[in-house]
Amino acid sequence: MKVSDLLESRRANWRELEELCVRMAKQRRRDVGPRTVARFAALYRGACADLALADAYQLPRATVQYLHELVGRAHNQLYRSQRFDVATWTEQLFVDVPQRLFHDNALRLAFAIFWGIFVLSGALAYSRPEYAHAVVGQETMNQLEEMYAEPPNGANPAMRGAMFGFYIFNNPGIGLRVFAMGLLLGIGGLFATVYNAAFLGGVFGYMATTPESDHFYQFVTAHGPFELTAVVLSAAAGMRLGFSILHTRGLTRMASLRQAANETLPVAMTAVLMFVLAAMIEAFLSPSAAPYWVKAAVSVLSAGSLMFYFVILGYPKDAARATR
C-alpha cells in the first residue's frame, strides 16, 4: 500500500480526533472520563506517526499543514493543566502498564540474558576461584570481604536517611548506564546486560565461599529482588530504543525512535519505582539487626509482588477467557 493511500485511509481517525479536541475544549477534564482520554491519547499518537510519514514522504503541503495543526491542537488538549484522576491512573498503573510489560519482547530478552548469565556466573564463581578472580577482580574481592567482615547491626540509625539519599543517587546510576548503552543500536545494551549479570553473579557466587557469606547475604537478601529487577528493566528500555533505530517498521529513524520512546516510558518508570523501593529497603532494613527470617520474608514478598504485577496482571485477559 502506498503511503498516500495509507494516510487517506486514516482520515476517519483524524476527524474523530478533531471532534474530541472540540469536545475536550468545552469540558472540564474530570468530566471527560478515562476511556475517552485513553482513546484521545491513542488517536494523538497515531496522528503524530501520520505526520512523520507525511513529512518524510513529502506528501501535499496541505496534508502536512493540516496534520501539523491537528497534532498541535491535540497536544494542547492532552497536556493542558489537569487534576490528578485516580481512576485513570489506577487503570494505567494496574492494567495498561503490566500488559505492555508482559508483551515487551525486549524485556523478555533482557530478562533471559540477565538471569541466565547471572546464575551461570554465580555457579562458576562458587566452584572455580580462578573465574571469580578474573570476573570480580582481586581488589573488589578484598573490599567485599572487608565490607562484610562484621554482621549488619543497625548501628547509627541516624545515618539511615542519609544512606537512603545516597542509594537513590547511586543505585540508578547502574540502570542509567545500562539504559544509555542500549542506545548503541541495542548492541551496547546487550553488552552491558551481559557484563552486569556476569559481574553481579560472580560477586554472589564468590561471597558464598567466604567466611563473610552470612553477613553478605544478611545485607543483600531483602532489597535484591527490586534492585536486580530494576537493572533488567533499564536494560530492556535501552535495548528497545536502540533496536528501533535498526528496525523502523516503515517509519523514518527519528519517527521510529520517538515511537519507541513513547512505548518505553512505562518500562523506564517501572525501573525508577523499583530503584526507589530497593533504596528504601537497603537503607532501613538491610543494615538493621533484624533477624534473617524477616529479611528473607521481605525478599519473598517482593519477588511475589513482582511476579503478580508482571505475570498475573500482565497476562492477556482475552487469552485467559479463551482458555475457559
Protein backbone atom coordinates (compact mmCIF):
# COMPACT_ATOMS: atom_id res chain seq x y z
CA MET A 1 0.00 0.00 0.00
CA LYS A 2 1.27 3.46 -0.90
CA VAL A 3 1.91 5.90 1.94
CA SER A 4 -0.60 8.33 0.43
CA ASP A 5 -3.28 5.61 0.37
CA LEU A 6 -2.43 4.60 3.93
CA LEU A 7 -2.82 8.15 5.19
CA GLU A 8 -6.02 8.59 3.20
CA SER A 9 -7.48 5.56 4.97
CA ARG A 10 -6.78 7.23 8.32
CA ARG A 11 -8.82 10.37 7.67
CA ALA A 12 -11.66 8.98 9.76
CA ASN A 13 -9.31 8.89 12.76
CA TRP A 14 -8.26 12.47 12.09
CA ARG A 15 -11.88 13.62 12.05
CA GLU A 16 -12.55 11.74 15.27
CA LEU A 17 -9.54 13.41 16.87
CA GLU A 18 -10.80 16.82 15.71
CA GLU A 19 -14.20 16.15 17.29
CA LEU A 20 -12.59 15.08 20.56
CA CYS A 21 -10.45 18.23 20.58
CA VAL A 22 -13.60 20.34 20.34
CA ARG A 23 -15.38 18.26 22.98
CA MET A 24 -12.49 18.34 25.45
CA ALA A 25 -12.06 22.09 24.99
CA LYS A 26 -15.64 22.60 26.18
CA GLN A 27 -15.49 20.22 29.15
CA ARG A 28 -13.58 20.05 32.37
CA ARG A 29 -11.06 17.22 32.39
CA ARG A 30 -12.79 15.49 35.30
CA ASP A 31 -15.98 15.20 33.18
CA VAL A 32 -14.32 13.58 30.17
CA GLY A 33 -13.76 10.10 31.59
CA PRO A 34 -10.78 7.76 31.48
CA ARG A 35 -11.87 5.80 28.38
CA THR A 36 -12.29 8.95 26.33
CA VAL A 37 -8.89 10.23 27.46
CA ALA A 38 -7.29 6.89 26.56
CA ARG A 39 -8.92 6.95 23.12
CA PHE A 40 -7.85 10.57 22.63
CA ALA A 41 -4.24 9.70 23.54
CA ALA A 42 -4.24 6.76 21.09
CA LEU A 43 -5.56 8.97 18.27
CA TYR A 44 -3.00 11.63 19.16
CA ARG A 45 -0.12 9.14 18.92
CA GLY A 46 -1.48 7.90 15.60
CA ALA A 47 -1.68 11.44 14.24
CA CYS A 48 1.93 12.05 15.31
CA ALA A 49 3.01 8.95 13.36
CA ASP A 50 0.92 10.04 10.36
CA LEU A 51 2.54 13.47 10.44
CA ALA A 52 6.00 11.90 10.47
CA LEU A 53 5.10 9.77 7.44
CA ALA A 54 3.53 12.67 5.55
CA ASP A 55 6.54 14.86 6.22
CA ALA A 56 9.09 12.17 5.35
CA TYR A 57 7.43 11.23 2.04
CA GLN A 58 6.77 14.88 1.10
CA LEU A 59 3.03 14.50 0.65
CA PRO A 60 0.97 17.53 -0.45
CA ARG A 61 1.70 20.60 1.64
CA ALA A 62 -1.96 20.97 2.59
CA THR A 63 -2.00 17.49 4.16
CA VAL A 64 1.19 18.13 6.10
CA GLN A 65 -0.06 21.52 7.30
CA TYR A 66 -3.41 20.03 8.36
CA LEU A 67 -1.68 17.32 10.38
CA HIS A 68 0.66 19.88 11.99
CA GLU A 69 -2.33 21.89 13.18
CA LEU A 70 -4.24 18.80 14.31
CA VAL A 71 -1.29 17.46 16.31
CA GLY A 72 -0.76 20.90 17.85
CA ARG A 73 -4.39 21.16 18.95
CA ALA A 74 -4.38 17.64 20.34
CA HIS A 75 -1.11 18.26 22.17
CA ASN A 76 -2.52 21.34 23.86
CA GLN A 77 -5.59 19.45 24.99
CA LEU A 78 -3.72 16.35 26.15
CA TYR A 79 -1.13 18.22 28.17
CA ARG A 80 -3.20 21.11 29.46
CA SER A 81 -3.30 21.70 33.19
CA GLN A 82 -5.29 18.91 34.81
CA ARG A 83 -6.16 17.49 38.19
CA PHE A 84 -5.00 14.10 39.32
CA ASP A 85 -7.52 11.50 38.08
CA VAL A 86 -7.41 8.48 40.37
CA ALA A 87 -9.44 6.23 38.06
CA THR A 88 -7.28 6.98 35.03
CA TRP A 89 -4.01 6.50 36.85
CA THR A 90 -5.23 3.31 38.52
CA GLU A 91 -6.18 1.83 35.16
CA GLN A 92 -2.84 2.88 33.66
CA LEU A 93 -0.80 1.52 36.57
CA PHE A 94 -2.58 -1.81 37.12
CA VAL A 95 -3.93 -2.63 33.64
CA ASP A 96 -2.13 -0.89 30.78
CA VAL A 97 1.44 -0.88 32.12
CA PRO A 98 1.70 -4.54 33.24
CA GLN A 99 0.14 -5.70 29.95
CA ARG A 100 2.62 -3.63 27.97
CA LEU A 101 5.47 -5.07 30.00
CA PHE A 102 4.13 -8.62 29.56
CA HIS A 103 4.23 -8.24 25.76
CA ASP A 104 7.58 -6.41 25.63
CA ASN A 105 9.98 -8.66 23.70
CA ALA A 106 12.97 -6.51 24.66
CA LEU A 107 12.11 -7.09 28.32
CA ARG A 108 11.85 -10.84 27.76
CA LEU A 109 15.24 -10.84 26.04
CA ALA A 110 16.86 -8.77 28.80
CA PHE A 111 15.31 -11.00 31.49
CA ALA A 112 16.51 -14.23 29.85
CA ILE A 113 20.03 -12.92 29.25
CA PHE A 114 20.49 -11.33 32.66
CA TRP A 115 19.22 -14.16 34.84
CA GLY A 116 20.72 -16.89 32.69
CA ILE A 117 24.20 -15.38 32.85
CA PHE A 118 23.75 -14.32 36.50
CA VAL A 119 23.06 -17.91 37.60
CA LEU A 120 25.83 -19.34 35.40
CA SER A 121 28.36 -16.78 36.60
CA GLY A 122 27.40 -17.39 40.23
CA ALA A 123 27.87 -21.15 39.82
CA LEU A 124 31.26 -20.71 38.15
CA ALA A 125 32.46 -18.22 40.78
CA TYR A 126 31.40 -20.62 43.53
CA SER A 127 33.13 -23.65 42.01
CA ARG A 128 36.17 -22.06 40.32
CA PRO A 129 38.20 -19.47 42.26
CA GLU A 130 40.14 -18.50 39.11
CA TYR A 131 36.87 -17.46 37.43
CA ALA A 132 35.88 -15.28 40.39
CA HIS A 133 39.32 -13.67 40.36
CA ALA A 134 39.03 -12.90 36.63
CA VAL A 135 35.47 -11.54 36.69
CA VAL A 136 35.24 -9.84 40.09
CA GLY A 137 38.89 -8.84 40.47
CA GLN A 138 41.16 -9.27 43.46
CA GLU A 139 40.78 -5.68 44.66
CA THR A 140 36.99 -5.89 44.62
CA MET A 141 37.08 -9.26 46.35
CA ASN A 142 39.24 -7.80 49.14
CA GLN A 143 36.90 -4.82 49.51
CA LEU A 144 33.87 -7.08 49.77
CA GLU A 145 35.47 -9.25 52.43
CA GLU A 146 36.42 -6.16 54.44
CA MET A 147 32.98 -4.55 53.99
CA TYR A 148 31.13 -7.59 55.30
CA ALA A 149 33.59 -8.62 58.00
CA GLU A 150 31.00 -7.59 60.60
CA PRO A 151 27.31 -8.51 60.55
CA PRO A 152 24.65 -5.83 59.94
CA ASN A 153 23.87 -4.49 63.40
CA GLY A 154 21.80 -1.39 62.78
CA ALA A 155 24.37 0.88 64.38
CA ASN A 156 23.94 4.64 63.96
CA PRO A 157 20.29 4.68 62.80
CA ALA A 158 20.54 8.44 62.31
CA MET A 159 22.57 7.76 59.17
CA ARG A 160 19.84 5.74 57.50
CA GLY A 161 18.14 8.77 56.00
CA ALA A 162 21.45 9.90 54.53
CA MET A 163 22.10 6.41 53.19
CA PHE A 164 18.66 6.37 51.60
CA GLY A 165 19.58 9.55 49.74
CA PHE A 166 22.90 8.03 48.73
CA TYR A 167 21.28 4.88 47.36
CA ILE A 168 18.66 6.90 45.48
CA PHE A 169 21.51 8.83 43.84
CA ASN A 170 23.97 5.96 43.35
CA ASN A 171 21.99 2.81 42.51
CA PRO A 172 20.08 4.18 39.50
CA GLY A 173 23.49 5.03 38.04
CA ILE A 174 23.88 1.37 37.13
CA GLY A 175 20.49 1.36 35.46
CA LEU A 176 21.21 4.64 33.67
CA ARG A 177 24.48 3.29 32.26
CA VAL A 178 22.77 0.12 31.05
CA PHE A 179 19.96 2.21 29.55
CA ALA A 180 22.37 4.58 27.79
CA MET A 181 24.40 1.69 26.37
CA GLY A 182 21.21 0.33 24.80
CA LEU A 183 21.06 3.36 22.52
CA LEU A 184 24.11 2.00 20.68
CA LEU A 185 21.82 0.16 18.24
CA GLY A 186 20.79 -2.23 21.01
CA ILE A 187 24.18 -3.99 20.90
CA GLY A 188 25.55 -1.82 23.68
CA GLY A 189 22.58 -2.77 25.85
CA LEU A 190 23.23 -6.45 25.26
CA PHE A 191 26.87 -6.00 26.22
CA ALA A 192 26.00 -4.01 29.36
CA THR A 193 23.41 -6.61 30.38
CA VAL A 194 25.89 -9.46 29.94
CA TYR A 195 28.61 -7.58 31.83
CA ASN A 196 26.43 -6.65 34.80
CA ALA A 197 24.93 -10.14 35.01
CA ALA A 198 28.37 -11.78 34.95
CA PHE A 199 29.82 -9.37 37.50
CA LEU A 200 26.91 -9.45 39.94
CA GLY A 201 26.55 -13.20 39.61
CA GLY A 202 30.28 -13.54 40.22
CA VAL A 203 30.04 -11.45 43.38
CA PHE A 204 27.16 -13.54 44.75
CA GLY A 205 28.93 -16.78 43.90
CA TYR A 206 32.29 -15.74 45.29
CA MET A 207 30.87 -14.38 48.55
CA ALA A 208 29.14 -17.71 49.15
CA THR A 209 32.62 -19.28 49.51
CA THR A 210 33.94 -16.81 52.09
CA PRO A 211 33.62 -16.73 55.91
CA GLU A 212 31.72 -13.45 55.45
CA SER A 213 28.97 -15.10 53.39
CA ASP A 214 26.38 -14.96 56.19
CA HIS A 215 26.97 -11.24 56.69
CA PHE A 216 26.81 -10.57 52.93
CA TYR A 217 23.51 -12.37 52.42
CA GLN A 218 22.11 -10.79 55.59
CA PHE A 219 22.59 -7.45 53.85
CA VAL A 220 21.59 -8.14 50.22
CA THR A 221 18.68 -10.55 50.59
CA ALA A 222 15.90 -8.07 51.38
CA HIS A 223 16.49 -5.49 48.65
CA GLY A 224 17.89 -7.82 45.97
CA PRO A 225 14.66 -8.60 44.06
CA PHE A 226 13.71 -4.97 43.46
CA GLU A 227 17.23 -3.78 42.65
CA LEU A 228 18.13 -6.58 40.24
CA THR A 229 14.74 -6.32 38.52
CA ALA A 230 15.31 -2.58 38.06
CA VAL A 231 18.60 -3.31 36.30
CA VAL A 232 16.83 -5.71 33.91
CA LEU A 233 14.09 -3.15 33.21
CA SER A 234 16.69 -0.47 32.46
CA ALA A 235 18.47 -2.79 30.04
CA ALA A 236 15.19 -3.61 28.28
CA ALA A 237 14.27 0.07 27.93
CA GLY A 238 17.64 0.91 26.41
CA MET A 239 17.60 -2.04 24.02
CA ARG A 240 14.11 -1.19 22.76
CA LEU A 241 15.26 2.33 21.87
CA GLY A 242 18.43 1.03 20.23
CA PHE A 243 16.63 -1.63 18.20
CA SER A 244 14.09 0.95 16.99
CA ILE A 245 16.87 2.69 15.05
CA LEU A 246 17.58 -0.54 13.15
CA HIS A 247 14.02 -1.87 12.81
CA THR A 248 11.97 1.19 11.88
CA ARG A 249 8.73 -0.58 10.81
CA GLY A 250 8.43 1.66 7.77
CA LEU A 251 8.95 4.94 9.67
CA THR A 252 11.89 7.29 9.47
CA ARG A 253 14.58 6.50 12.03
CA MET A 254 13.69 9.58 14.07
CA ALA A 255 9.95 8.78 14.00
CA SER A 256 10.69 5.17 14.95
CA LEU A 257 12.86 6.36 17.83
CA ARG A 258 10.12 8.73 19.06
CA GLN A 259 7.51 5.98 18.90
CA ALA A 260 9.82 3.57 20.75
CA ALA A 261 10.47 6.23 23.39
CA ASN A 262 6.73 6.51 24.00
CA GLU A 263 6.40 2.72 24.27
CA THR A 264 9.46 2.51 26.53
CA LEU A 265 8.22 5.06 29.06
CA PRO A 266 6.27 2.51 31.20
CA VAL A 267 9.36 0.28 31.41
CA ALA A 268 11.61 3.17 32.41
CA MET A 269 9.17 4.49 35.03
CA THR A 270 8.73 1.00 36.48
CA ALA A 271 12.52 0.73 36.76
CA VAL A 272 12.62 4.03 38.65
CA LEU A 273 9.96 2.76 41.06
CA MET A 274 11.94 -0.46 41.61
CA PHE A 275 15.11 1.51 42.37
CA VAL A 276 13.24 3.67 44.90
CA LEU A 277 11.75 0.64 46.66
CA ALA A 278 15.14 -1.09 46.71
CA ALA A 279 16.79 2.03 48.14
CA MET A 280 14.22 2.23 50.96
CA ILE A 281 14.80 -1.38 51.94
CA GLU A 282 18.58 -1.11 51.55
CA ALA A 283 18.75 1.96 53.77
CA PHE A 284 16.35 0.97 56.55
CA LEU A 285 16.07 -2.83 56.69
CA SER A 286 19.15 -4.38 55.07
CA PRO A 287 21.72 -2.87 57.52
CA SER A 288 19.49 -3.41 60.54
CA ALA A 289 19.89 -6.11 63.18
CA ALA A 290 16.54 -7.65 62.22
CA PRO A 291 16.57 -11.49 62.15
CA TYR A 292 17.43 -13.04 58.81
CA TRP A 293 13.98 -14.60 58.52
CA VAL A 294 12.46 -11.12 58.46
CA LYS A 295 14.71 -10.06 55.61
CA ALA A 296 14.08 -13.32 53.77
CA ALA A 297 10.33 -12.82 54.18
CA VAL A 298 10.59 -9.32 52.68
CA SER A 299 12.56 -10.77 49.78
CA VAL A 300 9.93 -13.44 49.15
CA LEU A 301 7.11 -10.89 49.35
CA SER A 302 9.00 -8.58 46.98
CA ALA A 303 9.58 -11.36 44.46
CA GLY A 304 5.95 -12.44 44.78
CA SER A 305 4.67 -8.92 44.20
CA LEU A 306 6.86 -8.61 41.09
CA MET A 307 5.55 -11.92 39.76
CA PHE A 308 1.98 -10.82 40.44
CA TYR A 309 2.47 -7.47 38.71
CA PHE A 310 4.34 -8.66 35.64
CA VAL A 311 2.63 -12.03 35.05
CA ILE A 312 -0.79 -12.11 36.73
CA LEU A 313 -1.80 -8.52 35.94
CA GLY A 314 0.07 -8.58 32.63
CA TYR A 315 -1.40 -11.83 31.30
CA PRO A 316 -3.79 -11.05 28.41
CA LYS A 317 -7.36 -11.12 29.64
CA ASP A 318 -8.66 -12.23 26.23
CA ALA A 319 -6.31 -15.22 26.25
CA ALA A 320 -7.46 -16.11 29.76
CA ARG A 321 -11.09 -16.07 28.72
CA ALA A 322 -10.33 -18.11 25.59
CA THR A 323 -8.89 -20.98 27.66
CA ARG A 324 -12.00 -21.35 29.83
